[in-house]
Structures are given as structure tokens and as C-alpha cells.
Amino acid sequence: MEKIVELIKQDPIRVEALYHVSQLGLPQCYIAAGFVRNLVWDALHEFSEPTPLNDVDVIYFDQGESTPDAYLVYEAQLKVQMPGLNWQVRNQAVMHLRNGDSPYTSSRDAMGHWPEKETAIGIRQIADNQYECIAAFGFESLLNCRITANPKRSREAFEQRVNSKGWLGRWPLLHIAP
């Protein structure tokens, strides 16, 4: 986790994004997925330029949220602050409906249902220059250049994602875990 936090601190765009997300004040709120994963894989491959972010996945967990489209307000706020990023904000307390799962109990639990384990990592700013990083499956496989299918999802969906995203071409040191 410390290695990931140090990498984040060296990336001004990620630091700024984390600051703006923290200002939303949402419960169990993290920036997750490629925001963390790609940064780590870039560092492990010693890339001098970061891989561009397709989107910035902001997750939070609010069971009491009464407005189903509240996430659109948060996305709009973030787009004003950092218009160059494609913000995707989602309340994980309702995502089980879309995914056909039992209700999730937290942001970490929701990440535990994502197709690959290395994507199920999130980070948030908890104070000035202080960050908390969580992972549904731990950090080891991400730091060891693995891509691991989540057994809660189909292997076919996992393989389709790996192929469509071009990860093995972009990061040649990656290997798919058996």
C-alpha cells in the first residue's frame, strides 16, 4: 500500500483528482480501478509517460441516498473542477441491482465483485497529503504484474475484458494468473 501511495503523490493530476473527490464528502468514497491499477503497472514497466486515463471511477457507498440520479450531480461538480477527466461516479449501494448480485455491504465488498482482482483497489484522501488505500483482494497480485479472474464473475467476461482493453499489449510484463 505504501508503494501505491508514494506513486500517487508523484502524480499531480491524481493528487488533484483525489482532493476534489474528497471535497464531495461522500461516505466510503474512493477513486478506484484504472486510476490505481494503470499507475502501478506503468511504474512496474518503468514508463516515463503515464497511460492516459479513459475514465476516473469514483465509488461511494450510501444506502440512505434518496435521489437515484445523485451521482450525476457529483459527476457535474467534478467535471467543472477537472474538465479534462471523464468522471464516472457510482453509488455501490445500488450497483448490485445492475450486476445481479446480493446487496453489497460496503465499497470494498462491491469491489470484491469486479471482474478482475487487480482492478478492485481504491484510494482516497483522508487529510492533507494523507491517503488511504483499500483492496478487496490485497495488493500483492497487482504489484506482481498479474491479472487474476474473480471467481464471482465468468471467466468469459474476464477474458473479454483483458482482450478488449489491450492490457497485455500495453504492459508486456503482465501475465494472466491460472
N, C-alpha and C. Protein backbone atom coordinates (compact mmCIF):
# COMPACT_ATOMS: atom_id res chain seq x y z
N MET A 1 0.81 -1.20 0.00
CA MET A 1 0.00 0.00 0.00
C MET A 1 0.86 1.26 0.00
N GLU A 2 1.95 1.26 0.75
CA GLU A 2 2.81 2.44 0.81
C GLU A 2 3.37 2.79 -0.56
N LYS A 3 3.74 1.75 -1.33
CA LYS A 3 4.28 1.99 -2.68
C LYS A 3 3.24 2.68 -3.54
N ILE A 4 1.99 2.26 -3.44
CA ILE A 4 0.92 2.86 -4.23
C ILE A 4 0.72 4.31 -3.82
N VAL A 5 0.70 4.58 -2.54
CA VAL A 5 0.53 5.96 -2.06
C VAL A 5 1.68 6.83 -2.55
N GLU A 6 2.90 6.32 -2.51
CA GLU A 6 4.04 7.11 -3.00
C GLU A 6 3.92 7.40 -4.49
N LEU A 7 3.46 6.44 -5.27
CA LEU A 7 3.26 6.67 -6.70
C LEU A 7 2.20 7.74 -6.92
N ILE A 8 1.11 7.68 -6.17
CA ILE A 8 0.04 8.69 -6.27
C ILE A 8 0.60 10.07 -5.98
N LYS A 9 1.38 10.20 -4.92
CA LYS A 9 1.92 11.51 -4.51
C LYS A 9 2.82 12.12 -5.58
N GLN A 10 3.37 11.29 -6.46
CA GLN A 10 4.24 11.78 -7.53
C GLN A 10 3.47 12.20 -8.78
N ASP A 11 2.17 12.02 -8.77
CA ASP A 11 1.34 12.31 -9.94
C ASP A 11 0.39 13.47 -9.63
N PRO A 12 0.72 14.68 -10.08
CA PRO A 12 -0.08 15.86 -9.73
C PRO A 12 -1.55 15.77 -10.14
N ILE A 13 -1.83 15.14 -11.27
CA ILE A 13 -3.23 15.03 -11.70
C ILE A 13 -4.01 14.12 -10.76
N ARG A 14 -3.40 13.02 -10.36
CA ARG A 14 -4.09 12.11 -9.43
C ARG A 14 -4.27 12.76 -8.06
N VAL A 15 -3.26 13.49 -7.61
CA VAL A 15 -3.37 14.20 -6.33
C VAL A 15 -4.52 15.21 -6.39
N GLU A 16 -4.60 15.96 -7.47
CA GLU A 16 -5.69 16.94 -7.61
C GLU A 16 -7.05 16.25 -7.68
N ALA A 17 -7.13 15.17 -8.42
CA ALA A 17 -8.40 14.43 -8.52
C ALA A 17 -8.83 13.92 -7.15
N LEU A 18 -7.92 13.38 -6.39
CA LEU A 18 -8.25 12.88 -5.05
C LEU A 18 -8.71 14.01 -4.14
N TYR A 19 -8.10 15.16 -4.26
CA TYR A 19 -8.53 16.31 -3.46
C TYR A 19 -9.98 16.67 -3.79
N HIS A 20 -10.29 16.81 -5.05
CA HIS A 20 -11.65 17.21 -5.44
C HIS A 20 -12.69 16.16 -5.02
N VAL A 21 -12.35 14.90 -5.15
CA VAL A 21 -13.27 13.84 -4.72
C VAL A 21 -13.48 13.90 -3.21
N SER A 22 -12.42 14.17 -2.47
CA SER A 22 -12.56 14.24 -1.01
C SER A 22 -13.49 15.38 -0.59
N GLN A 23 -13.52 16.44 -1.38
CA GLN A 23 -14.38 17.59 -1.07
C GLN A 23 -15.87 17.28 -1.25
N LEU A 24 -16.20 16.20 -1.95
CA LEU A 24 -17.60 15.81 -2.08
C LEU A 24 -18.18 15.33 -0.75
N GLY A 25 -17.32 14.81 0.12
CA GLY A 25 -17.76 14.35 1.43
C GLY A 25 -18.64 13.12 1.41
N LEU A 26 -18.49 12.28 0.41
CA LEU A 26 -19.32 11.09 0.28
C LEU A 26 -18.80 9.96 1.16
N PRO A 27 -19.69 9.13 1.70
CA PRO A 27 -19.26 8.02 2.56
C PRO A 27 -18.55 6.92 1.76
N GLN A 28 -17.51 6.37 2.38
CA GLN A 28 -16.73 5.27 1.79
C GLN A 28 -16.39 5.59 0.33
N CYS A 29 -15.87 6.77 0.10
CA CYS A 29 -15.64 7.26 -1.25
C CYS A 29 -14.17 7.10 -1.64
N TYR A 30 -13.96 6.46 -2.78
CA TYR A 30 -12.62 6.18 -3.29
C TYR A 30 -12.58 6.41 -4.79
N ILE A 31 -11.38 6.67 -5.30
CA ILE A 31 -11.16 6.55 -6.73
C ILE A 31 -10.51 5.19 -6.93
N ALA A 32 -11.07 4.42 -7.85
CA ALA A 32 -10.67 3.02 -7.95
C ALA A 32 -10.35 2.64 -9.39
N ALA A 33 -10.14 1.35 -9.58
CA ALA A 33 -9.97 0.72 -10.89
C ALA A 33 -8.70 1.22 -11.59
N GLY A 34 -8.82 1.63 -12.85
CA GLY A 34 -7.66 2.00 -13.65
C GLY A 34 -6.87 3.17 -13.10
N PHE A 35 -7.50 4.01 -12.31
CA PHE A 35 -6.82 5.15 -11.68
C PHE A 35 -5.63 4.66 -10.87
N VAL A 36 -5.80 3.55 -10.16
CA VAL A 36 -4.73 2.96 -9.36
C VAL A 36 -3.96 1.92 -10.17
N ARG A 37 -4.71 0.99 -10.75
CA ARG A 37 -4.11 -0.14 -11.46
C ARG A 37 -3.13 0.31 -12.54
N ASN A 38 -3.55 1.23 -13.40
CA ASN A 38 -2.69 1.67 -14.50
C ASN A 38 -1.43 2.36 -14.00
N LEU A 39 -1.56 3.14 -12.95
CA LEU A 39 -0.40 3.83 -12.38
C LEU A 39 0.64 2.82 -11.90
N VAL A 40 0.18 1.79 -11.23
CA VAL A 40 1.10 0.75 -10.72
C VAL A 40 1.75 0.01 -11.88
N TRP A 41 0.94 -0.41 -12.85
CA TRP A 41 1.51 -1.14 -13.98
C TRP A 41 2.48 -0.26 -14.77
N ASP A 42 2.18 1.02 -14.91
CA ASP A 42 3.12 1.93 -15.58
C ASP A 42 4.45 1.98 -14.83
N ALA A 43 4.40 2.08 -13.52
CA ALA A 43 5.63 2.15 -12.71
C ALA A 43 6.42 0.85 -12.82
N LEU A 44 5.74 -0.28 -12.76
CA LEU A 44 6.42 -1.57 -12.87
C LEU A 44 7.08 -1.77 -14.24
N HIS A 45 6.54 -1.11 -15.24
CA HIS A 45 7.11 -1.17 -16.59
C HIS A 45 8.08 -0.02 -16.86
N GLU A 46 8.28 0.82 -15.85
CA GLU A 46 9.20 1.95 -15.92
C GLU A 46 8.87 2.89 -17.08
N PHE A 47 7.58 3.10 -17.31
CA PHE A 47 7.15 4.05 -18.35
C PHE A 47 7.48 5.47 -17.89
N SER A 48 7.96 6.29 -18.81
CA SER A 48 8.24 7.68 -18.48
C SER A 48 6.99 8.55 -18.58
N GLU A 49 6.04 8.12 -19.39
CA GLU A 49 4.76 8.83 -19.53
C GLU A 49 3.63 7.94 -19.04
N PRO A 50 2.72 8.50 -18.25
CA PRO A 50 1.62 7.67 -17.75
C PRO A 50 0.64 7.29 -18.86
N THR A 51 0.04 6.14 -18.69
CA THR A 51 -1.02 5.72 -19.60
C THR A 51 -2.21 6.66 -19.40
N PRO A 52 -2.76 7.22 -20.46
CA PRO A 52 -3.92 8.11 -20.31
C PRO A 52 -5.09 7.39 -19.64
N LEU A 53 -5.81 8.14 -18.84
CA LEU A 53 -6.98 7.59 -18.15
C LEU A 53 -8.20 7.67 -19.07
N ASN A 54 -8.81 6.51 -19.35
CA ASN A 54 -10.05 6.51 -20.13
C ASN A 54 -11.16 7.17 -19.35
N ASP A 55 -11.21 6.83 -18.07
CA ASP A 55 -12.19 7.42 -17.17
C ASP A 55 -11.63 7.38 -15.75
N VAL A 56 -12.30 8.08 -14.87
CA VAL A 56 -11.91 8.10 -13.46
C VAL A 56 -13.11 7.58 -12.69
N ASP A 57 -12.96 6.35 -12.15
CA ASP A 57 -14.05 5.67 -11.45
C ASP A 57 -14.08 6.07 -9.99
N VAL A 58 -15.10 6.83 -9.62
CA VAL A 58 -15.31 7.24 -8.24
C VAL A 58 -16.43 6.38 -7.68
N ILE A 59 -16.14 5.69 -6.59
CA ILE A 59 -17.15 4.85 -5.96
C ILE A 59 -17.41 5.38 -4.55
N TYR A 60 -18.64 5.21 -4.11
CA TYR A 60 -19.00 5.53 -2.74
C TYR A 60 -20.11 4.58 -2.31
N PHE A 61 -20.42 4.58 -1.02
CA PHE A 61 -21.44 3.66 -0.51
C PHE A 61 -22.37 4.43 0.41
N ASP A 62 -23.57 4.68 -0.09
CA ASP A 62 -24.56 5.44 0.69
C ASP A 62 -25.93 4.78 0.55
N GLN A 63 -26.27 3.92 1.51
CA GLN A 63 -27.56 3.21 1.48
C GLN A 63 -28.74 4.16 1.66
N GLY A 64 -28.52 5.31 2.28
CA GLY A 64 -29.60 6.24 2.56
C GLY A 64 -29.83 7.28 1.48
N GLU A 65 -29.09 7.19 0.41
CA GLU A 65 -29.25 8.17 -0.66
C GLU A 65 -30.64 8.02 -1.29
N SER A 66 -31.39 9.12 -1.30
CA SER A 66 -32.78 9.03 -1.76
C SER A 66 -32.97 9.41 -3.22
N THR A 67 -32.01 10.08 -3.81
CA THR A 67 -32.13 10.50 -5.20
C THR A 67 -31.34 9.55 -6.09
N PRO A 68 -32.03 8.79 -6.96
CA PRO A 68 -31.33 7.80 -7.77
C PRO A 68 -30.30 8.40 -8.73
N ASP A 69 -30.47 9.65 -9.13
CA ASP A 69 -29.53 10.28 -10.06
C ASP A 69 -28.54 11.22 -9.37
N ALA A 70 -28.35 11.06 -8.07
CA ALA A 70 -27.44 11.94 -7.34
C ALA A 70 -26.03 11.90 -7.91
N TYR A 71 -25.64 10.74 -8.42
CA TYR A 71 -24.29 10.60 -8.97
C TYR A 71 -24.03 11.58 -10.11
N LEU A 72 -25.07 11.95 -10.84
CA LEU A 72 -24.92 12.90 -11.95
C LEU A 72 -24.52 14.28 -11.43
N VAL A 73 -25.03 14.66 -10.28
CA VAL A 73 -24.66 15.94 -9.67
C VAL A 73 -23.18 15.91 -9.29
N TYR A 74 -22.73 14.80 -8.71
CA TYR A 74 -21.32 14.68 -8.32
C TYR A 74 -20.41 14.69 -9.55
N GLU A 75 -20.82 13.98 -10.59
CA GLU A 75 -20.04 13.99 -11.83
C GLU A 75 -19.93 15.40 -12.39
N ALA A 76 -21.03 16.15 -12.39
CA ALA A 76 -21.04 17.52 -12.91
C ALA A 76 -20.10 18.41 -12.10
N GLN A 77 -20.11 18.25 -10.78
CA GLN A 77 -19.21 19.04 -9.93
C GLN A 77 -17.75 18.76 -10.28
N LEU A 78 -17.44 17.49 -10.41
CA LEU A 78 -16.06 17.11 -10.71
C LEU A 78 -15.64 17.57 -12.10
N LYS A 79 -16.56 17.53 -13.06
CA LYS A 79 -16.25 17.97 -14.43
C LYS A 79 -15.96 19.47 -14.47
N VAL A 80 -16.59 20.23 -13.61
CA VAL A 80 -16.30 21.67 -13.54
C VAL A 80 -14.89 21.87 -13.00
N GLN A 81 -14.51 21.10 -12.00
CA GLN A 81 -13.21 21.26 -11.36
C GLN A 81 -12.06 20.71 -12.20
N MET A 82 -12.30 19.60 -12.87
CA MET A 82 -11.27 18.98 -13.72
C MET A 82 -11.93 18.50 -15.01
N PRO A 83 -12.19 19.42 -15.94
CA PRO A 83 -12.94 19.07 -17.15
C PRO A 83 -12.21 18.12 -18.09
N GLY A 84 -10.93 17.96 -17.94
CA GLY A 84 -10.17 17.08 -18.82
C GLY A 84 -10.31 15.61 -18.49
N LEU A 85 -10.99 15.29 -17.39
CA LEU A 85 -11.15 13.90 -16.99
C LEU A 85 -12.58 13.44 -17.22
N ASN A 86 -12.72 12.18 -17.59
CA ASN A 86 -14.02 11.57 -17.80
C ASN A 86 -14.46 10.91 -16.49
N TRP A 87 -15.20 11.64 -15.68
CA TRP A 87 -15.62 11.19 -14.36
C TRP A 87 -16.78 10.20 -14.46
N GLN A 88 -16.67 9.10 -13.73
CA GLN A 88 -17.74 8.10 -13.62
C GLN A 88 -17.97 7.86 -12.13
N VAL A 89 -19.03 8.41 -11.59
CA VAL A 89 -19.33 8.31 -10.16
C VAL A 89 -20.49 7.33 -9.98
N ARG A 90 -20.33 6.37 -9.04
CA ARG A 90 -21.39 5.39 -8.83
C ARG A 90 -21.51 5.03 -7.35
N ASN A 91 -22.75 5.02 -6.88
CA ASN A 91 -23.07 4.59 -5.52
C ASN A 91 -23.10 3.06 -5.51
N GLN A 92 -22.16 2.45 -4.84
CA GLN A 92 -22.05 1.00 -4.82
C GLN A 92 -23.18 0.34 -4.03
N ALA A 93 -23.91 1.11 -3.25
CA ALA A 93 -25.04 0.56 -2.50
C ALA A 93 -26.18 0.09 -3.41
N VAL A 94 -26.18 0.56 -4.67
CA VAL A 94 -27.23 0.15 -5.61
C VAL A 94 -26.70 -0.64 -6.80
N MET A 95 -25.41 -0.76 -6.93
CA MET A 95 -24.84 -1.42 -8.10
C MET A 95 -25.13 -2.92 -8.15
N HIS A 96 -25.45 -3.52 -7.03
CA HIS A 96 -25.79 -4.95 -7.04
C HIS A 96 -27.01 -5.22 -7.93
N LEU A 97 -27.90 -4.24 -8.04
CA LEU A 97 -29.09 -4.40 -8.88
C LEU A 97 -28.69 -4.56 -10.34
N ARG A 98 -27.76 -3.75 -10.77
CA ARG A 98 -27.28 -3.80 -12.16
C ARG A 98 -26.52 -5.09 -12.43
N ASN A 99 -25.81 -5.56 -11.42
CA ASN A 99 -24.92 -6.72 -11.60
C ASN A 99 -25.57 -8.06 -11.27
N GLY A 100 -26.80 -8.04 -10.76
CA GLY A 100 -27.48 -9.28 -10.43
C GLY A 100 -26.91 -10.00 -9.22
N ASP A 101 -26.37 -9.24 -8.27
CA ASP A 101 -25.77 -9.80 -7.07
C ASP A 101 -26.67 -9.55 -5.86
N SER A 102 -26.33 -10.19 -4.75
CA SER A 102 -26.94 -9.85 -3.47
C SER A 102 -26.46 -8.45 -3.10
N PRO A 103 -27.18 -7.72 -2.26
CA PRO A 103 -26.74 -6.37 -1.88
C PRO A 103 -25.32 -6.35 -1.32
N TYR A 104 -24.59 -5.34 -1.71
CA TYR A 104 -23.24 -5.14 -1.20
C TYR A 104 -23.33 -4.48 0.18
N THR A 105 -22.32 -4.69 0.98
CA THR A 105 -22.31 -4.14 2.34
C THR A 105 -21.39 -2.94 2.51
N SER A 106 -20.53 -2.69 1.51
CA SER A 106 -19.56 -1.59 1.60
C SER A 106 -18.93 -1.38 0.23
N SER A 107 -18.15 -0.34 0.11
CA SER A 107 -17.42 -0.11 -1.14
C SER A 107 -16.44 -1.25 -1.40
N ARG A 108 -15.77 -1.70 -0.35
CA ARG A 108 -14.81 -2.80 -0.51
C ARG A 108 -15.51 -4.08 -0.95
N ASP A 109 -16.68 -4.36 -0.35
CA ASP A 109 -17.44 -5.54 -0.74
C ASP A 109 -17.87 -5.45 -2.20
N ALA A 110 -18.29 -4.28 -2.63
CA ALA A 110 -18.69 -4.10 -4.04
C ALA A 110 -17.51 -4.37 -4.97
N MET A 111 -16.34 -3.86 -4.62
CA MET A 111 -15.16 -4.11 -5.45
C MET A 111 -14.83 -5.60 -5.52
N GLY A 112 -15.20 -6.33 -4.49
CA GLY A 112 -14.96 -7.77 -4.47
C GLY A 112 -15.78 -8.53 -5.50
N HIS A 113 -16.62 -7.83 -6.24
CA HIS A 113 -17.42 -8.45 -7.30
C HIS A 113 -16.98 -8.01 -8.70
N TRP A 114 -15.92 -7.23 -8.78
CA TRP A 114 -15.45 -6.75 -10.08
C TRP A 114 -14.75 -7.88 -10.83
N PRO A 115 -14.70 -7.84 -12.16
CA PRO A 115 -14.22 -8.98 -12.95
C PRO A 115 -12.79 -9.43 -12.71
N GLU A 116 -11.87 -8.51 -12.43
CA GLU A 116 -10.51 -8.93 -12.14
C GLU A 116 -10.05 -8.33 -10.82
N LYS A 117 -9.27 -9.09 -10.12
CA LYS A 117 -8.88 -8.73 -8.76
C LYS A 117 -8.02 -7.47 -8.70
N GLU A 118 -7.18 -7.26 -9.69
CA GLU A 118 -6.24 -6.13 -9.66
C GLU A 118 -6.93 -4.78 -9.88
N THR A 119 -8.14 -4.81 -10.37
CA THR A 119 -8.91 -3.58 -10.55
C THR A 119 -9.61 -3.18 -9.25
N ALA A 120 -9.77 -4.12 -8.34
CA ALA A 120 -10.53 -3.91 -7.11
C ALA A 120 -9.70 -3.25 -6.02
N ILE A 121 -9.13 -2.10 -6.38
CA ILE A 121 -8.30 -1.32 -5.47
C ILE A 121 -8.73 0.13 -5.57
N GLY A 122 -8.87 0.78 -4.42
CA GLY A 122 -9.28 2.18 -4.41
C GLY A 122 -8.42 3.00 -3.46
N ILE A 123 -8.42 4.29 -3.68
CA ILE A 123 -7.65 5.20 -2.84
C ILE A 123 -8.47 6.46 -2.60
N ARG A 124 -8.28 7.05 -1.41
CA ARG A 124 -8.94 8.31 -1.10
C ARG A 124 -8.01 9.17 -0.26
N GLN A 125 -8.26 10.47 -0.33
CA GLN A 125 -7.53 11.42 0.50
C GLN A 125 -8.26 11.51 1.83
N ILE A 126 -7.53 11.32 2.93
CA ILE A 126 -8.15 11.39 4.26
C ILE A 126 -7.74 12.64 5.03
N ALA A 127 -6.67 13.28 4.60
CA ALA A 127 -6.20 14.54 5.17
C ALA A 127 -5.21 15.12 4.17
N ASP A 128 -4.71 16.31 4.45
CA ASP A 128 -3.75 16.93 3.54
C ASP A 128 -2.53 16.03 3.39
N ASN A 129 -2.27 15.60 2.15
CA ASN A 129 -1.12 14.75 1.83
C ASN A 129 -1.16 13.38 2.53
N GLN A 130 -2.36 12.92 2.92
CA GLN A 130 -2.52 11.61 3.53
C GLN A 130 -3.62 10.85 2.79
N TYR A 131 -3.33 9.58 2.51
CA TYR A 131 -4.22 8.78 1.69
C TYR A 131 -4.46 7.42 2.33
N GLU A 132 -5.62 6.87 2.04
CA GLU A 132 -5.96 5.51 2.47
C GLU A 132 -6.22 4.69 1.21
N CYS A 133 -5.60 3.53 1.16
CA CYS A 133 -5.76 2.64 0.01
C CYS A 133 -6.37 1.34 0.51
N ILE A 134 -7.43 0.89 -0.19
CA ILE A 134 -8.07 -0.37 0.18
C ILE A 134 -8.06 -1.30 -1.04
N ALA A 135 -8.12 -2.59 -0.77
CA ALA A 135 -8.15 -3.58 -1.85
C ALA A 135 -9.03 -4.74 -1.42
N ALA A 136 -9.93 -5.14 -2.29
CA ALA A 136 -10.81 -6.26 -1.98
C ALA A 136 -10.05 -7.57 -1.90
N PHE A 137 -8.94 -7.69 -2.63
CA PHE A 137 -8.18 -8.94 -2.68
C PHE A 137 -6.72 -8.75 -2.28
N GLY A 138 -6.36 -7.64 -1.72
CA GLY A 138 -4.98 -7.36 -1.36
C GLY A 138 -4.24 -6.71 -2.52
N PHE A 139 -2.99 -6.39 -2.29
CA PHE A 139 -2.19 -5.63 -3.25
C PHE A 139 -1.14 -6.47 -3.98
N GLU A 140 -0.87 -7.66 -3.47
CA GLU A 140 0.25 -8.46 -3.97
C GLU A 140 0.17 -8.75 -5.46
N SER A 141 -0.98 -9.20 -5.93
CA SER A 141 -1.05 -9.59 -7.34
C SER A 141 -0.88 -8.37 -8.26
N LEU A 142 -1.40 -7.23 -7.87
CA LEU A 142 -1.20 -6.01 -8.66
C LEU A 142 0.28 -5.68 -8.75
N LEU A 143 0.97 -5.74 -7.62
CA LEU A 143 2.38 -5.39 -7.57
C LEU A 143 3.27 -6.45 -8.22
N ASN A 144 2.70 -7.62 -8.51
CA ASN A 144 3.45 -8.70 -9.17
C ASN A 144 3.04 -8.89 -10.63
N CYS A 145 2.44 -7.87 -11.22
CA CYS A 145 2.11 -7.87 -12.65
C CYS A 145 1.18 -9.01 -13.06
N ARG A 146 0.26 -9.36 -12.19
CA ARG A 146 -0.69 -10.41 -12.53
C ARG A 146 -2.04 -9.80 -12.89
N ILE A 147 -2.79 -10.55 -13.68
CA ILE A 147 -4.20 -10.25 -13.93
C ILE A 147 -4.94 -11.52 -13.53
N THR A 148 -5.82 -11.37 -12.56
CA THR A 148 -6.47 -12.53 -11.96
C THR A 148 -7.98 -12.43 -12.08
N ALA A 149 -8.59 -13.48 -12.61
CA ALA A 149 -10.04 -13.50 -12.73
C ALA A 149 -10.68 -13.63 -11.35
N ASN A 150 -11.75 -12.89 -11.15
CA ASN A 150 -12.54 -13.01 -9.93
C ASN A 150 -13.50 -14.18 -10.11
N PRO A 151 -13.44 -15.18 -9.24
CA PRO A 151 -14.33 -16.34 -9.41
C PRO A 151 -15.82 -16.00 -9.27
N LYS A 152 -16.14 -14.81 -8.80
CA LYS A 152 -17.55 -14.39 -8.71
C LYS A 152 -18.11 -13.96 -10.07
N ARG A 153 -17.25 -13.85 -11.05
CA ARG A 153 -17.65 -13.45 -12.40
C ARG A 153 -17.22 -14.54 -13.38
N SER A 154 -17.80 -14.53 -14.56
CA SER A 154 -17.47 -15.58 -15.53
C SER A 154 -16.07 -15.39 -16.09
N ARG A 155 -15.44 -16.50 -16.37
CA ARG A 155 -14.11 -16.46 -16.99
C ARG A 155 -14.20 -15.80 -18.37
N GLU A 156 -15.30 -16.05 -19.05
CA GLU A 156 -15.51 -15.46 -20.37
C GLU A 156 -15.53 -13.93 -20.30
N ALA A 157 -16.22 -13.37 -19.31
CA ALA A 157 -16.27 -11.92 -19.14
C ALA A 157 -14.87 -11.37 -18.83
N PHE A 158 -14.14 -12.08 -18.01
CA PHE A 158 -12.77 -11.68 -17.66
C PHE A 158 -11.89 -11.66 -18.92
N GLU A 159 -11.91 -12.73 -19.69
CA GLU A 159 -11.07 -12.81 -20.88
C GLU A 159 -11.46 -11.77 -21.92
N GLN A 160 -12.75 -11.49 -22.03
CA GLN A 160 -13.22 -10.46 -22.96
C GLN A 160 -12.68 -9.09 -22.55
N ARG A 161 -12.68 -8.81 -21.24
CA ARG A 161 -12.15 -7.53 -20.75
C ARG A 161 -10.65 -7.43 -21.01
N VAL A 162 -9.91 -8.48 -20.70
CA VAL A 162 -8.46 -8.46 -20.92
C VAL A 162 -8.16 -8.19 -22.39
N ASN A 163 -8.86 -8.85 -23.27
CA ASN A 163 -8.62 -8.68 -24.71
C ASN A 163 -9.07 -7.31 -25.21
N SER A 164 -10.26 -6.89 -24.82
CA SER A 164 -10.78 -5.62 -25.33
C SER A 164 -10.00 -4.42 -24.81
N LYS A 165 -9.44 -4.54 -23.63
CA LYS A 165 -8.68 -3.42 -23.06
C LYS A 165 -7.23 -3.38 -23.55
N GLY A 166 -6.75 -4.47 -24.13
CA GLY A 166 -5.39 -4.49 -24.66
C GLY A 166 -4.30 -4.42 -23.60
N TRP A 167 -4.58 -4.88 -22.41
CA TRP A 167 -3.61 -4.77 -21.32
C TRP A 167 -2.31 -5.49 -21.61
N LEU A 168 -2.37 -6.69 -22.17
CA LEU A 168 -1.15 -7.46 -22.40
C LEU A 168 -0.26 -6.81 -23.46
N GLY A 169 -0.86 -6.08 -24.38
CA GLY A 169 -0.08 -5.35 -25.36
C GLY A 169 0.54 -4.09 -24.77
N ARG A 170 -0.20 -3.39 -23.96
CA ARG A 170 0.28 -2.15 -23.35
C ARG A 170 1.34 -2.42 -22.29
N TRP A 171 1.12 -3.45 -21.47
CA TRP A 171 2.03 -3.79 -20.37
C TRP A 171 2.52 -5.22 -20.57
N PRO A 172 3.58 -5.43 -21.34
CA PRO A 172 4.01 -6.80 -21.71
C PRO A 172 4.52 -7.66 -20.56
N LEU A 173 4.82 -7.10 -19.41
CA LEU A 173 5.27 -7.91 -18.27
C LEU A 173 4.11 -8.57 -17.54
N LEU A 174 2.90 -8.18 -17.87
CA LEU A 174 1.73 -8.77 -17.22
C LEU A 174 1.57 -10.22 -17.63
N HIS A 175 1.03 -10.98 -16.71
CA HIS A 175 0.69 -12.37 -17.03
C HIS A 175 -0.64 -12.71 -16.36
N ILE A 176 -1.41 -13.54 -17.02
CA ILE A 176 -2.70 -13.94 -16.52
C ILE A 176 -2.50 -15.08 -15.52
N ALA A 177 -3.03 -14.90 -14.34
CA ALA A 177 -2.94 -15.95 -13.32
C ALA A 177 -3.85 -17.11 -13.69
N PRO A 178 -3.41 -18.33 -13.40
CA PRO A 178 -4.23 -19.50 -13.75
C PRO A 178 -5.53 -19.54 -12.94
